[in-house]
Amino acid sequence: MFSFARVRSAPRQGFTLVEMIVVMAIIALVAVMIVPNVIGRPDQARVTVAKTDLRTTAAALRMYRLDNGDYPTTEQGLKALVEKPTAVPVPAGWNPEGYLPEAPQDPWGREYIYRSPGQTGGFDLMSYGKDGEAGGEALDADLSDRSR
């Protein structure tokens, strides 16, 4: 009877130099295509974070109003969403768990601007953007969430 012997090869140990060079070339190619799109966008990411923070904080303010009948005063500020205000008007229905875990700051490290009543009644909640000054365009533009 005819028999084929199985030839066993030694298990491979690691990668060859050619394989390593191919992998490095692929990584470099991907980096060349992606890095230019990512660099220069941290400020745009900060704008997106600020817009999300404004929506979240505005939602917390609306919950505060549902529980207490009105928004916190300008003097009470956004701190009223974290700790129960002691200044008049003291909220009767304040949620013991609070409305936010901490007072929000914009992505540029400044406190959000809060006014109640705002220009249209309700409240004004805003960030002056990257430059920290009223007005501006592009990344320096003011970001806001207003309620009636």
N, C-alpha and C. Protein backbone atom coordinates (compact mmCIF):
# COMPACT_ATOMS: atom_id res chain seq x y z
N MET A 1 0.82 -1.17 0.00
CA MET A 1 0.00 0.00 0.00
C MET A 1 0.87 1.24 0.00
N PHE A 2 0.38 2.19 -0.73
CA PHE A 2 1.13 3.43 -0.88
C PHE A 2 0.76 4.39 0.24
N SER A 3 1.69 5.02 0.87
CA SER A 3 1.42 5.91 2.00
C SER A 3 2.11 7.25 1.78
N PHE A 4 1.37 8.28 2.05
CA PHE A 4 1.96 9.61 1.98
C PHE A 4 2.36 10.02 3.39
N ALA A 5 3.52 10.36 3.56
CA ALA A 5 3.97 10.79 4.88
C ALA A 5 3.61 12.26 5.05
N ARG A 6 3.16 12.57 6.19
CA ARG A 6 2.83 13.97 6.49
C ARG A 6 4.10 14.70 6.84
N VAL A 7 4.30 15.77 6.16
CA VAL A 7 5.48 16.57 6.43
C VAL A 7 5.06 17.70 7.35
N ARG A 8 5.68 17.76 8.46
CA ARG A 8 5.38 18.84 9.41
C ARG A 8 6.44 19.90 9.30
N SER A 9 5.97 21.11 9.21
CA SER A 9 6.94 22.20 9.19
C SER A 9 7.01 22.79 10.58
N ALA A 10 8.09 23.40 10.86
CA ALA A 10 8.26 24.03 12.17
C ALA A 10 7.31 25.21 12.28
N PRO A 11 6.72 25.43 13.46
CA PRO A 11 5.82 26.58 13.61
C PRO A 11 6.58 27.88 13.38
N ARG A 12 5.87 28.85 12.78
CA ARG A 12 6.50 30.14 12.49
C ARG A 12 6.69 30.92 13.78
N GLN A 13 7.78 31.58 13.89
CA GLN A 13 8.08 32.39 15.05
C GLN A 13 8.16 33.85 14.61
N GLY A 14 7.13 34.66 14.92
CA GLY A 14 7.17 36.09 14.62
C GLY A 14 6.87 36.41 13.17
N PHE A 15 7.25 37.64 12.80
CA PHE A 15 6.99 38.13 11.45
C PHE A 15 8.30 38.33 10.71
N THR A 16 8.23 38.24 9.40
CA THR A 16 9.43 38.51 8.61
C THR A 16 9.60 40.01 8.46
N LEU A 17 10.77 40.42 8.07
CA LEU A 17 11.07 41.84 7.87
C LEU A 17 10.16 42.43 6.80
N VAL A 18 9.88 41.70 5.76
CA VAL A 18 9.01 42.18 4.68
C VAL A 18 7.60 42.43 5.20
N GLU A 19 7.09 41.50 6.01
CA GLU A 19 5.76 41.68 6.58
C GLU A 19 5.70 42.91 7.47
N MET A 20 6.74 43.13 8.25
CA MET A 20 6.77 44.31 9.12
C MET A 20 6.79 45.60 8.29
N ILE A 21 7.56 45.62 7.23
CA ILE A 21 7.63 46.81 6.38
C ILE A 21 6.28 47.08 5.72
N VAL A 22 5.60 46.04 5.26
CA VAL A 22 4.28 46.20 4.64
C VAL A 22 3.30 46.78 5.65
N VAL A 23 3.28 46.25 6.88
CA VAL A 23 2.37 46.75 7.91
C VAL A 23 2.69 48.22 8.22
N MET A 24 3.96 48.55 8.36
CA MET A 24 4.35 49.94 8.64
C MET A 24 3.93 50.87 7.50
N ALA A 25 4.05 50.42 6.28
CA ALA A 25 3.65 51.23 5.13
C ALA A 25 2.15 51.47 5.13
N ILE A 26 1.38 50.46 5.47
CA ILE A 26 -0.08 50.61 5.55
C ILE A 26 -0.45 51.59 6.64
N ILE A 27 0.17 51.47 7.81
CA ILE A 27 -0.11 52.39 8.92
C ILE A 27 0.25 53.82 8.52
N ALA A 28 1.38 54.01 7.86
CA ALA A 28 1.79 55.34 7.43
C ALA A 28 0.80 55.92 6.42
N LEU A 29 0.35 55.08 5.49
CA LEU A 29 -0.62 55.53 4.49
C LEU A 29 -1.93 55.97 5.14
N VAL A 30 -2.43 55.19 6.08
CA VAL A 30 -3.66 55.54 6.79
C VAL A 30 -3.45 56.83 7.58
N ALA A 31 -2.32 56.98 8.25
CA ALA A 31 -2.04 58.19 9.01
C ALA A 31 -2.00 59.42 8.11
N VAL A 32 -1.39 59.28 6.94
CA VAL A 32 -1.32 60.41 6.00
C VAL A 32 -2.71 60.84 5.55
N MET A 33 -3.62 59.89 5.44
CA MET A 33 -4.98 60.22 4.99
C MET A 33 -5.83 60.76 6.13
N ILE A 34 -5.62 60.32 7.37
CA ILE A 34 -6.49 60.69 8.48
C ILE A 34 -6.00 61.91 9.26
N VAL A 35 -4.72 61.99 9.54
CA VAL A 35 -4.19 63.05 10.41
C VAL A 35 -4.57 64.45 9.93
N PRO A 36 -4.44 64.79 8.65
CA PRO A 36 -4.82 66.14 8.25
C PRO A 36 -6.29 66.46 8.52
N ASN A 37 -7.14 65.44 8.51
CA ASN A 37 -8.56 65.67 8.79
C ASN A 37 -8.84 65.86 10.27
N VAL A 38 -7.97 65.33 11.12
CA VAL A 38 -8.19 65.41 12.56
C VAL A 38 -7.52 66.63 13.16
N ILE A 39 -6.31 66.94 12.70
CA ILE A 39 -5.59 68.10 13.23
C ILE A 39 -6.34 69.36 12.83
N GLY A 40 -6.44 70.29 13.75
CA GLY A 40 -7.15 71.53 13.49
C GLY A 40 -8.62 71.45 13.83
N ARG A 41 -9.07 70.33 14.33
CA ARG A 41 -10.48 70.19 14.67
C ARG A 41 -10.77 70.19 16.18
N PRO A 42 -9.78 70.36 17.05
CA PRO A 42 -10.12 70.36 18.46
C PRO A 42 -11.07 71.49 18.81
N ASP A 43 -10.92 72.64 18.15
CA ASP A 43 -11.82 73.76 18.43
C ASP A 43 -13.23 73.46 17.96
N GLN A 44 -13.36 72.78 16.83
CA GLN A 44 -14.69 72.39 16.37
C GLN A 44 -15.31 71.37 17.32
N ALA A 45 -14.48 70.50 17.87
CA ALA A 45 -14.98 69.54 18.86
C ALA A 45 -15.46 70.27 20.11
N ARG A 46 -14.74 71.32 20.51
CA ARG A 46 -15.15 72.10 21.68
C ARG A 46 -16.50 72.78 21.43
N VAL A 47 -16.72 73.26 20.23
CA VAL A 47 -18.01 73.88 19.89
C VAL A 47 -19.12 72.84 20.01
N THR A 48 -18.88 71.64 19.53
CA THR A 48 -19.87 70.56 19.62
C THR A 48 -20.15 70.21 21.08
N VAL A 49 -19.09 70.15 21.89
CA VAL A 49 -19.27 69.86 23.32
C VAL A 49 -20.08 70.97 23.98
N ALA A 50 -19.78 72.22 23.64
CA ALA A 50 -20.52 73.35 24.23
C ALA A 50 -22.00 73.28 23.86
N LYS A 51 -22.31 72.97 22.61
CA LYS A 51 -23.71 72.86 22.19
C LYS A 51 -24.42 71.75 22.95
N THR A 52 -23.74 70.63 23.14
CA THR A 52 -24.33 69.52 23.89
C THR A 52 -24.53 69.91 25.35
N ASP A 53 -23.53 70.58 25.95
CA ASP A 53 -23.66 71.05 27.33
C ASP A 53 -24.84 72.01 27.47
N LEU A 54 -25.00 72.90 26.51
CA LEU A 54 -26.10 73.86 26.57
C LEU A 54 -27.45 73.15 26.55
N ARG A 55 -27.58 72.14 25.69
CA ARG A 55 -28.85 71.38 25.63
C ARG A 55 -29.10 70.63 26.93
N THR A 56 -28.05 70.01 27.48
CA THR A 56 -28.19 69.24 28.72
C THR A 56 -28.55 70.16 29.88
N THR A 57 -27.87 71.30 29.97
CA THR A 57 -28.14 72.25 31.05
C THR A 57 -29.53 72.85 30.90
N ALA A 58 -29.94 73.16 29.67
CA ALA A 58 -31.28 73.69 29.44
C ALA A 58 -32.34 72.67 29.86
N ALA A 59 -32.10 71.40 29.58
CA ALA A 59 -33.04 70.35 29.99
C ALA A 59 -33.12 70.28 31.52
N ALA A 60 -31.96 70.42 32.19
CA ALA A 60 -31.96 70.42 33.66
C ALA A 60 -32.71 71.63 34.20
N LEU A 61 -32.56 72.78 33.56
CA LEU A 61 -33.30 73.98 33.97
C LEU A 61 -34.80 73.77 33.82
N ARG A 62 -35.21 73.11 32.76
CA ARG A 62 -36.64 72.85 32.55
C ARG A 62 -37.18 71.89 33.62
N MET A 63 -36.38 70.91 34.00
CA MET A 63 -36.79 70.00 35.08
C MET A 63 -36.91 70.77 36.39
N TYR A 64 -35.97 71.66 36.64
CA TYR A 64 -36.02 72.50 37.84
C TYR A 64 -37.32 73.29 37.86
N ARG A 65 -37.66 73.85 36.71
CA ARG A 65 -38.90 74.64 36.62
C ARG A 65 -40.13 73.77 36.87
N LEU A 66 -40.14 72.55 36.33
CA LEU A 66 -41.27 71.65 36.56
C LEU A 66 -41.43 71.34 38.05
N ASP A 67 -40.31 71.16 38.74
CA ASP A 67 -40.36 70.83 40.17
C ASP A 67 -40.67 72.03 41.05
N ASN A 68 -40.25 73.23 40.62
CA ASN A 68 -40.29 74.39 41.51
C ASN A 68 -41.14 75.55 41.02
N GLY A 69 -41.69 75.44 39.82
CA GLY A 69 -42.58 76.48 39.32
C GLY A 69 -41.91 77.61 38.58
N ASP A 70 -40.60 77.74 38.68
CA ASP A 70 -39.88 78.78 37.96
C ASP A 70 -38.41 78.38 37.84
N TYR A 71 -37.69 79.12 36.99
CA TYR A 71 -36.26 78.87 36.84
C TYR A 71 -35.50 79.49 38.00
N PRO A 72 -34.26 79.03 38.26
CA PRO A 72 -33.46 79.71 39.27
C PRO A 72 -33.23 81.16 38.85
N THR A 73 -33.07 82.05 39.81
CA THR A 73 -32.79 83.44 39.49
C THR A 73 -31.37 83.56 38.96
N THR A 74 -31.07 84.71 38.35
CA THR A 74 -29.71 84.95 37.87
C THR A 74 -28.73 84.85 39.02
N GLU A 75 -29.10 85.39 40.19
CA GLU A 75 -28.22 85.36 41.35
C GLU A 75 -27.98 83.93 41.83
N GLN A 76 -29.00 83.09 41.80
CA GLN A 76 -28.82 81.69 42.20
C GLN A 76 -27.96 80.95 41.18
N GLY A 77 -28.10 81.33 39.92
CA GLY A 77 -27.27 80.78 38.85
C GLY A 77 -27.43 79.29 38.63
N LEU A 78 -26.50 78.75 37.86
CA LEU A 78 -26.54 77.33 37.52
C LEU A 78 -26.15 76.46 38.72
N LYS A 79 -25.58 77.08 39.74
CA LYS A 79 -25.25 76.34 40.96
C LYS A 79 -26.53 75.76 41.59
N ALA A 80 -27.68 76.41 41.30
CA ALA A 80 -28.96 75.92 41.83
C ALA A 80 -29.33 74.55 41.28
N LEU A 81 -28.68 74.13 40.20
CA LEU A 81 -28.93 72.80 39.64
C LEU A 81 -28.12 71.72 40.35
N VAL A 82 -27.14 72.16 41.15
CA VAL A 82 -26.26 71.24 41.86
C VAL A 82 -26.57 71.20 43.35
N GLU A 83 -26.78 72.39 43.95
CA GLU A 83 -27.06 72.51 45.38
C GLU A 83 -28.36 73.30 45.55
N LYS A 84 -29.12 72.93 46.56
CA LYS A 84 -30.37 73.64 46.81
C LYS A 84 -30.08 75.08 47.21
N PRO A 85 -30.67 76.03 46.49
CA PRO A 85 -30.45 77.44 46.82
C PRO A 85 -30.99 77.78 48.21
N THR A 86 -30.27 78.67 48.88
CA THR A 86 -30.73 79.16 50.19
C THR A 86 -31.23 80.59 50.07
N ALA A 87 -30.92 81.24 48.93
CA ALA A 87 -31.37 82.61 48.71
C ALA A 87 -32.82 82.60 48.23
N VAL A 88 -33.53 83.65 48.53
CA VAL A 88 -34.93 83.80 48.12
C VAL A 88 -34.97 83.97 46.61
N PRO A 89 -35.85 83.29 45.92
CA PRO A 89 -36.88 82.36 46.38
C PRO A 89 -36.29 80.96 46.58
N VAL A 90 -36.45 80.43 47.77
CA VAL A 90 -35.97 79.08 48.08
C VAL A 90 -36.94 78.10 47.41
N PRO A 91 -36.44 77.19 46.59
CA PRO A 91 -37.32 76.26 45.87
C PRO A 91 -37.92 75.22 46.82
N ALA A 92 -39.23 75.09 46.77
CA ALA A 92 -39.92 74.15 47.66
C ALA A 92 -39.82 72.71 47.17
N GLY A 93 -39.76 72.51 45.86
CA GLY A 93 -39.78 71.15 45.32
C GLY A 93 -38.43 70.70 44.78
N TRP A 94 -37.34 71.29 45.29
CA TRP A 94 -36.01 70.96 44.77
C TRP A 94 -35.72 69.48 44.92
N ASN A 95 -35.22 68.87 43.86
CA ASN A 95 -34.91 67.44 43.86
C ASN A 95 -33.67 67.20 44.73
N PRO A 96 -33.78 66.37 45.77
CA PRO A 96 -32.64 66.13 46.66
C PRO A 96 -31.42 65.54 45.95
N GLU A 97 -31.62 64.93 44.80
CA GLU A 97 -30.49 64.40 44.04
C GLU A 97 -29.86 65.45 43.14
N GLY A 98 -30.47 66.63 43.07
CA GLY A 98 -29.96 67.68 42.20
C GLY A 98 -30.38 67.45 40.76
N TYR A 99 -29.95 68.34 39.91
CA TYR A 99 -30.32 68.26 38.50
C TYR A 99 -29.11 68.02 37.60
N LEU A 100 -27.94 68.38 38.11
CA LEU A 100 -26.67 68.12 37.43
C LEU A 100 -25.65 67.70 38.48
N PRO A 101 -24.68 66.88 38.11
CA PRO A 101 -23.68 66.46 39.10
C PRO A 101 -22.74 67.58 39.52
N GLU A 102 -22.50 68.54 38.63
CA GLU A 102 -21.64 69.68 38.95
C GLU A 102 -22.01 70.86 38.07
N ALA A 103 -21.65 72.06 38.54
CA ALA A 103 -21.95 73.26 37.75
C ALA A 103 -21.14 73.21 36.46
N PRO A 104 -21.79 73.37 35.33
CA PRO A 104 -21.09 73.22 34.05
C PRO A 104 -20.18 74.40 33.73
N GLN A 105 -19.09 74.09 33.05
CA GLN A 105 -18.20 75.10 32.49
C GLN A 105 -18.10 74.82 31.00
N ASP A 106 -17.89 75.89 30.23
CA ASP A 106 -17.76 75.66 28.80
C ASP A 106 -16.41 75.00 28.51
N PRO A 107 -16.22 74.45 27.32
CA PRO A 107 -14.99 73.72 27.00
C PRO A 107 -13.73 74.58 27.04
N TRP A 108 -13.89 75.90 27.11
CA TRP A 108 -12.74 76.80 27.20
C TRP A 108 -12.44 77.17 28.65
N GLY A 109 -13.12 76.52 29.61
CA GLY A 109 -12.83 76.70 31.02
C GLY A 109 -13.55 77.86 31.69
N ARG A 110 -14.54 78.43 31.03
CA ARG A 110 -15.29 79.54 31.63
C ARG A 110 -16.69 79.08 32.01
N GLU A 111 -17.29 79.75 32.97
CA GLU A 111 -18.66 79.43 33.34
C GLU A 111 -19.60 79.85 32.22
N TYR A 112 -20.66 79.08 32.05
CA TYR A 112 -21.69 79.48 31.10
C TYR A 112 -22.40 80.71 31.66
N ILE A 113 -22.88 81.55 30.78
CA ILE A 113 -23.59 82.76 31.18
C ILE A 113 -25.07 82.38 31.30
N TYR A 114 -25.64 82.70 32.46
CA TYR A 114 -27.03 82.36 32.73
C TYR A 114 -27.75 83.60 33.23
N ARG A 115 -28.92 83.87 32.63
CA ARG A 115 -29.77 84.97 33.07
C ARG A 115 -31.21 84.50 33.12
N SER A 116 -31.86 84.85 34.21
CA SER A 116 -33.28 84.55 34.33
C SER A 116 -33.94 85.67 35.13
N PRO A 117 -34.89 86.36 34.57
CA PRO A 117 -35.48 86.11 33.25
C PRO A 117 -34.53 86.55 32.14
N GLY A 118 -34.68 85.87 31.01
CA GLY A 118 -33.85 86.19 29.85
C GLY A 118 -34.49 87.23 28.97
N GLN A 119 -33.92 87.43 27.80
CA GLN A 119 -34.43 88.44 26.86
C GLN A 119 -35.85 88.14 26.39
N THR A 120 -36.19 86.87 26.32
CA THR A 120 -37.53 86.50 25.83
C THR A 120 -38.38 85.93 26.96
N GLY A 121 -38.07 86.30 28.19
CA GLY A 121 -38.72 85.66 29.34
C GLY A 121 -37.86 84.48 29.73
N GLY A 122 -38.39 83.43 30.23
CA GLY A 122 -37.65 82.19 30.51
C GLY A 122 -36.23 82.41 31.00
N PHE A 123 -35.24 81.92 30.25
CA PHE A 123 -33.84 82.08 30.62
C PHE A 123 -32.98 82.24 29.38
N ASP A 124 -31.81 82.80 29.58
CA ASP A 124 -30.75 82.84 28.56
C ASP A 124 -29.60 82.01 29.11
N LEU A 125 -29.07 81.13 28.29
CA LEU A 125 -27.94 80.31 28.65
C LEU A 125 -26.98 80.37 27.48
N MET A 126 -25.73 80.79 27.74
CA MET A 126 -24.83 80.97 26.61
C MET A 126 -23.36 80.85 26.97
N SER A 127 -22.55 80.69 25.94
CA SER A 127 -21.10 80.75 26.02
C SER A 127 -20.66 81.73 24.95
N TYR A 128 -19.64 82.52 25.26
CA TYR A 128 -19.14 83.46 24.27
C TYR A 128 -18.16 82.81 23.30
N GLY A 129 -18.01 81.51 23.34
CA GLY A 129 -17.17 80.80 22.39
C GLY A 129 -15.70 80.88 22.74
N LYS A 130 -14.88 80.59 21.78
CA LYS A 130 -13.43 80.47 21.97
C LYS A 130 -12.81 81.75 22.51
N ASP A 131 -13.22 82.91 21.98
CA ASP A 131 -12.58 84.17 22.38
C ASP A 131 -13.09 84.71 23.71
N GLY A 132 -14.20 84.20 24.22
CA GLY A 132 -14.72 84.64 25.51
C GLY A 132 -15.33 86.03 25.50
N GLU A 133 -15.58 86.57 24.31
CA GLU A 133 -16.17 87.90 24.19
C GLU A 133 -17.46 87.83 23.39
N ALA A 134 -18.38 88.75 23.70
CA ALA A 134 -19.66 88.78 22.98
C ALA A 134 -19.43 89.01 21.50
N GLY A 135 -20.26 88.37 20.70
CA GLY A 135 -20.15 88.51 19.24
C GLY A 135 -19.10 87.55 18.70
N GLY A 136 -18.69 87.78 17.50
CA GLY A 136 -17.67 86.93 16.88
C GLY A 136 -18.27 86.04 15.82
N GLU A 137 -17.37 85.44 15.06
CA GLU A 137 -17.78 84.56 13.98
C GLU A 137 -17.02 83.25 14.08
N ALA A 138 -17.49 82.26 13.38
CA ALA A 138 -16.88 80.93 13.32
C ALA A 138 -16.67 80.38 14.73
N LEU A 139 -15.43 80.06 15.12
CA LEU A 139 -15.18 79.47 16.43
C LEU A 139 -15.38 80.46 17.57
N ASP A 140 -15.33 81.76 17.26
CA ASP A 140 -15.53 82.79 18.27
C ASP A 140 -17.01 83.17 18.44
N ALA A 141 -17.89 82.57 17.66
CA ALA A 141 -19.31 82.92 17.71
C ALA A 141 -19.92 82.52 19.05
N ASP A 142 -20.90 83.31 19.46
CA ASP A 142 -21.63 83.00 20.70
C ASP A 142 -22.52 81.78 20.47
N LEU A 143 -22.60 80.95 21.49
CA LEU A 143 -23.47 79.78 21.45
C LEU A 143 -24.52 79.97 22.52
N SER A 144 -25.78 79.66 22.21
CA SER A 144 -26.81 79.90 23.21
C SER A 144 -27.95 78.91 23.13
N ASP A 145 -28.69 78.88 24.24
CA ASP A 145 -29.94 78.12 24.34
C ASP A 145 -30.86 79.03 25.13
N ARG A 146 -31.92 79.47 24.51
CA ARG A 146 -32.86 80.38 25.18
C ARG A 146 -34.19 79.68 25.31
N SER A 147 -34.90 80.04 26.39
CA SER A 147 -36.22 79.47 26.62
C SER A 147 -37.20 80.59 26.91
N ARG A 148 -38.43 80.34 26.61
CA ARG A 148 -39.48 81.33 26.92
C ARG A 148 -40.17 80.95 28.20
